[in-house]
Amino acid sequence: MAKAGLIKLHADTGKRVGHWTGATTTAYYIDDVCEGVTQPFEFEGWHYRLKYFDGCFMPFVVCLEVAEKNGVNLAAKMIA
């Protein structure tokens, strides 16, 4: 998605960071969508948007179709 110009990766993406468990892990942080990209956006036939979850400082990329298939309507819960 970053290579396609849809999302911007955070500067710490790819670096080793501390996890809340005390272990270290490779960071895969999303910063934002790229300029001119509106949400939801389409990638390879699926619809996505960014969503913050409680306790997280960075958003996650969520697939609207997968969430809806599992009974979660993320589109209704998100604020544009």
C-alpha atoms as a PDB file:
ATOM      1  CA  MET A   1       0.000   0.000   0.000  1.00  0.00           C
ATOM      2  CA  ALA A   2       2.901   2.343   0.711  1.00  0.00           C
ATOM      3  CA  LYS A   3       4.528   1.506  -2.633  1.00  0.00           C
ATOM      4  CA  ALA A   4       1.164   2.135  -4.316  1.00  0.00           C
ATOM      5  CA  GLY A   5       1.077   5.646  -2.804  1.00  0.00           C
ATOM      6  CA  LEU A   6      -1.898   5.009  -0.526  1.00  0.00           C
ATOM      7  CA  ILE A   7      -0.379   5.081   2.973  1.00  0.00           C
ATOM      8  CA  LYS A   8       2.635   6.736   4.585  1.00  0.00           C
ATOM      9  CA  LEU A   9       4.766   4.567   6.820  1.00  0.00           C
ATOM     10  CA  HIS A  10       6.046   6.031  10.088  1.00  0.00           C
ATOM     11  CA  ALA A  11       9.787   6.774  10.279  1.00  0.00           C
ATOM     12  CA  ASP A  12      10.199   3.966  12.865  1.00  0.00           C
ATOM     13  CA  THR A  13       8.808   1.282  10.535  1.00  0.00           C
ATOM     14  CA  GLY A  14      11.372  -1.480  10.118  1.00  0.00           C
ATOM     15  CA  LYS A  15      13.232  -0.621  13.342  1.00  0.00           C
ATOM     16  CA  ARG A  16      13.395  -2.820  16.435  1.00  0.00           C
ATOM     17  CA  VAL A  17      11.206  -1.357  19.190  1.00  0.00           C
ATOM     18  CA  GLY A  18      10.137  -2.357  22.674  1.00  0.00           C
ATOM     19  CA  HIS A  19       6.809  -4.148  22.923  1.00  0.00           C
ATOM     20  CA  TRP A  20       4.517  -3.657  25.937  1.00  0.00           C
ATOM     21  CA  THR A  21       5.340  -7.239  26.976  1.00  0.00           C
ATOM     22  CA  GLY A  22       8.996  -6.284  27.416  1.00  0.00           C
ATOM     23  CA  ALA A  23      10.154  -8.104  24.270  1.00  0.00           C
ATOM     24  CA  THR A  24      11.468  -6.331  21.189  1.00  0.00           C
ATOM     25  CA  THR A  25       9.807  -6.568  17.797  1.00  0.00           C
ATOM     26  CA  THR A  26      10.043  -5.003  14.351  1.00  0.00           C
ATOM     27  CA  ALA A  27       7.773  -1.982  14.052  1.00  0.00           C
ATOM     28  CA  TYR A  28       5.193  -1.804  11.272  1.00  0.00           C
ATOM     29  CA  TYR A  29       3.722   1.626  11.968  1.00  0.00           C
ATOM     30  CA  ILE A  30       1.364   3.547   9.715  1.00  0.00           C
ATOM     31  CA  ASP A  31       1.585   7.341   9.838  1.00  0.00           C
ATOM     32  CA  ASP A  32      -1.352   8.421   7.658  1.00  0.00           C
ATOM     33  CA  VAL A  33      -2.824   8.132   4.187  1.00  0.00           C
ATOM     34  CA  CYS A  34      -0.927   9.877   1.407  1.00  0.00           C
ATOM     35  CA  GLU A  35      -1.929  13.318   0.217  1.00  0.00           C
ATOM     36  CA  GLY A  36      -5.007  13.172  -2.004  1.00  0.00           C
ATOM     37  CA  VAL A  37      -6.106   9.722  -0.768  1.00  0.00           C
ATOM     38  CA  THR A  38      -9.630   9.677   0.630  1.00  0.00           C
ATOM     39  CA  GLN A  39     -10.943   7.078   3.039  1.00  0.00           C
ATOM     40  CA  PRO A  40     -12.087   4.460   2.496  1.00  0.00           C
ATOM     41  CA  PHE A  41      -9.602   3.659  -0.267  1.00  0.00           C
ATOM     42  CA  GLU A  42      -9.378   0.635  -2.546  1.00  0.00           C
ATOM     43  CA  PHE A  43      -6.384  -1.690  -2.919  1.00  0.00           C
ATOM     44  CA  GLU A  44      -6.401  -4.886  -4.975  1.00  0.00           C
ATOM     45  CA  GLY A  45     -10.210  -5.014  -5.014  1.00  0.00           C
ATOM     46  CA  TRP A  46     -10.706  -4.525  -1.256  1.00  0.00           C
ATOM     47  CA  HIS A  47     -11.736  -1.405   0.674  1.00  0.00           C
ATOM     48  CA  TYR A  48      -9.606  -0.143   3.555  1.00  0.00           C
ATOM     49  CA  ARG A  49      -9.312   2.762   5.943  1.00  0.00           C
ATOM     50  CA  LEU A  50      -7.227   3.692   8.942  1.00  0.00           C
ATOM     51  CA  LYS A  51      -8.591   3.109  12.435  1.00  0.00           C
ATOM     52  CA  TYR A  52      -7.209   3.901  15.868  1.00  0.00           C
ATOM     53  CA  PHE A  53      -7.819   1.372  18.625  1.00  0.00           C
ATOM     54  CA  ASP A  54      -7.836   2.131  22.347  1.00  0.00           C
ATOM     55  CA  GLY A  55      -4.337   2.286  23.770  1.00  0.00           C
ATOM     56  CA  CYS A  56      -2.608   2.635  20.394  1.00  0.00           C
ATOM     57  CA  PHE A  57      -0.835   5.767  19.231  1.00  0.00           C
ATOM     58  CA  MET A  58      -0.679   4.733  15.584  1.00  0.00           C
ATOM     59  CA  PRO A  59      -3.581   3.720  13.334  1.00  0.00           C
ATOM     60  CA  PHE A  60      -4.130   0.293  11.833  1.00  0.00           C
ATOM     61  CA  VAL A  61      -5.150  -0.427   8.243  1.00  0.00           C
ATOM     62  CA  VAL A  62      -8.471  -2.268   8.409  1.00  0.00           C
ATOM     63  CA  CYS A  63     -10.327  -4.068   5.634  1.00  0.00           C
ATOM     64  CA  LEU A  64     -14.000  -3.121   5.634  1.00  0.00           C
ATOM     65  CA  GLU A  65     -15.197  -6.270   3.830  1.00  0.00           C
ATOM     66  CA  VAL A  66     -13.410  -8.660   6.204  1.00  0.00           C
ATOM     67  CA  ALA A  67     -14.697  -6.786   9.248  1.00  0.00           C
ATOM     68  CA  GLU A  68     -18.253  -6.756   7.930  1.00  0.00           C
ATOM     69  CA  LYS A  69     -18.065 -10.477   7.042  1.00  0.00           C
ATOM     70  CA  ASN A  70     -17.211 -11.092  10.702  1.00  0.00           C
ATOM     71  CA  GLY A  71     -20.098  -8.959  11.963  1.00  0.00           C
ATOM     72  CA  VAL A  72     -18.118  -5.787  12.690  1.00  0.00           C
ATOM     73  CA  ASN A  73     -19.273  -2.669  10.846  1.00  0.00           C
ATOM     74  CA  LEU A  74     -16.167  -0.513  11.159  1.00  0.00           C
ATOM     75  CA  ALA A  75     -17.484   2.065   8.713  1.00  0.00           C
ATOM     76  CA  ALA A  76     -20.336   2.928  11.057  1.00  0.00           C
ATOM     77  CA  LYS A  77     -18.025   3.307  14.052  1.00  0.00           C
ATOM     78  CA  MET A  78     -15.402   5.522  12.440  1.00  0.00           C
ATOM     79  CA  ILE A  79     -15.360   9.270  12.282  1.00  0.00           C
ATOM     80  CA  ALA A  80     -14.117  10.712   9.006  1.00  0.00           C
END
